[in-house]
Amino acid sequence: MLGASSERNPEAHPVTDLHFPRPHDDPREPGSLARWLVPDGARVRSGAPVAEVVTDGAPRTVRAPASGTLWRQGRAGERFTAGAIIGLVE
């Protein structure tokens, strides 16, 4: 699920992956995407909070890795392992 994927042109704009964070206790243990803090297609600044996840039983904030437009790849409630791509910033 990439938002307006038909409108994306990866050659026109660099894309930075937004990864699910590594849990502190066991990096193999999956966590869940609790909620998105910004809508799909929103402009974000590098370092801005964009999602909340739960790892090790505790909530954590995921921040934008770059400035640009956020395209969600995951849905709230989905489970992910460390390093999985949950969004893109272009």
Protein backbone atom coordinates (compact mmCIF):
# COMPACT_ATOMS: atom_id res chain seq x y z
CA MET A 1 0.00 0.00 0.00
CA LEU A 2 1.93 3.00 -1.26
CA GLY A 3 -0.62 5.78 -1.37
CA ALA A 4 -0.70 7.36 -4.83
CA SER A 5 1.86 4.90 -6.23
CA SER A 6 0.83 5.55 -9.83
CA GLU A 7 1.94 9.17 -9.35
CA ARG A 8 5.36 8.28 -7.89
CA ASN A 9 8.41 8.52 -10.07
CA PRO A 10 11.38 7.16 -8.06
CA GLU A 11 13.84 8.55 -10.59
CA ALA A 12 12.51 12.09 -10.11
CA HIS A 13 12.87 12.14 -6.29
CA PRO A 14 15.17 10.20 -4.01
CA VAL A 15 13.34 7.81 -1.68
CA THR A 16 14.36 7.03 1.91
CA ASP A 17 13.00 3.93 3.62
CA LEU A 18 11.31 4.24 7.02
CA HIS A 19 12.27 1.12 8.99
CA PHE A 20 10.62 -0.57 11.94
CA PRO A 21 12.98 -0.06 14.93
CA ARG A 22 15.00 -2.79 16.58
CA PRO A 23 13.62 -3.93 19.95
CA HIS A 24 15.96 -3.46 22.91
CA ASP A 25 15.54 -6.99 24.33
CA ASP A 26 15.41 -9.39 21.39
CA PRO A 27 15.90 -8.09 17.81
CA ARG A 28 14.19 -11.21 16.40
CA GLU A 29 10.98 -10.51 18.34
CA PRO A 30 8.34 -8.71 16.21
CA GLY A 31 6.61 -5.57 17.38
CA SER A 32 3.48 -3.78 16.22
CA LEU A 33 2.71 -0.51 14.51
CA ALA A 34 0.40 1.14 17.04
CA ARG A 35 -0.63 4.21 15.00
CA TRP A 36 0.46 6.71 12.44
CA LEU A 37 0.88 10.29 13.66
CA VAL A 38 0.65 11.87 10.20
CA PRO A 39 -1.61 11.12 7.23
CA ASP A 40 -0.44 9.26 4.12
CA GLY A 41 1.00 11.74 1.62
CA ALA A 42 1.82 14.35 4.31
CA ARG A 43 4.93 16.50 4.15
CA VAL A 44 7.31 15.70 7.02
CA ARG A 45 10.61 17.10 8.26
CA SER A 46 13.60 14.99 9.13
CA GLY A 47 13.36 13.92 12.79
CA ALA A 48 9.64 14.65 13.11
CA PRO A 49 7.54 11.98 14.89
CA VAL A 50 5.57 10.02 12.27
CA ALA A 51 4.45 6.80 13.99
CA GLU A 52 4.14 5.01 17.31
CA VAL A 53 5.20 1.39 17.61
CA VAL A 54 5.24 -1.12 20.46
CA THR A 55 8.42 -3.14 21.01
CA ASP A 56 9.43 -4.96 24.19
CA GLY A 57 5.92 -4.18 25.45
CA ALA A 58 6.65 -0.45 25.52
CA PRO A 59 5.57 2.33 23.13
CA ARG A 60 8.23 4.05 21.03
CA THR A 61 8.15 6.93 18.58
CA VAL A 62 9.44 6.49 15.04
CA ARG A 63 10.86 9.64 13.47
CA ALA A 64 11.14 10.62 9.81
CA PRO A 65 14.57 9.68 8.41
CA ALA A 66 14.45 12.56 5.91
CA SER A 67 12.33 15.53 4.87
CA GLY A 68 9.76 14.98 2.15
CA THR A 69 6.41 13.27 1.52
CA LEU A 70 5.55 10.26 3.69
CA TRP A 71 4.01 7.24 1.98
CA ARG A 72 2.76 4.61 4.42
CA GLN A 73 3.59 0.96 3.73
CA GLY A 74 2.11 -0.55 6.91
CA ARG A 75 -1.19 -0.33 8.74
CA ALA A 76 -1.89 0.24 12.42
CA GLY A 77 -2.10 -3.10 14.19
CA GLU A 78 0.28 -4.91 11.82
CA ARG A 79 3.29 -6.75 13.26
CA PHE A 80 6.79 -6.23 11.90
CA THR A 81 10.29 -7.47 12.57
CA ALA A 82 13.25 -5.11 13.08
CA GLY A 83 14.30 -3.41 9.87
CA ALA A 84 11.06 -4.02 7.97
CA ILE A 85 10.04 -1.10 5.75
CA ILE A 86 6.92 0.53 7.14
CA GLY A 87 6.99 3.67 4.98
CA LEU A 88 8.85 5.74 2.43
CA VAL A 89 9.84 9.39 2.42
CA GLU A 90 10.39 10.97 -0.98
